[in-house]
């Protein structure tokens, strides 16, 4: 039964043996990425307006009740909603998004590298569309 105990104590990190033999070797870092669903949320956020980020006030709630119109732009998944919010702000402002919004994005489970990937991709899309419109 001693062999079972060794297996249970084994570290799940496949590069753990490197720490013992060569601590100076740099571990491979995974490149930041988004799933297809997350990229679709970013693309759809391009059409969202800034008012979709604000909570509903009394007048808007009354108007929605009175007319029966109005679509709730918020997503059901809190993680995807945080992605949508930061994408709307990034489509509008680029890298000049307020720090508390970036902190909310990070708190939702995303990384700083994913934030940089998101904003740089949005900036590239904006610059390519303005170059196409200039022609």
Foldseek 3Di string as FASTA:
>chain_A
DVVVVVVVPDDPDPCVVCCVPPVVDDDDDDQDDDDPVLVVLLVVLLPDDPVLPDDDDPVRVVVCVVPVDDDNPADPDLLSNLSSNLSNVLLVPQPPDDPVSVVSNVVSPHDPSNSVVSSVVSVVVVVVVVVVVVD
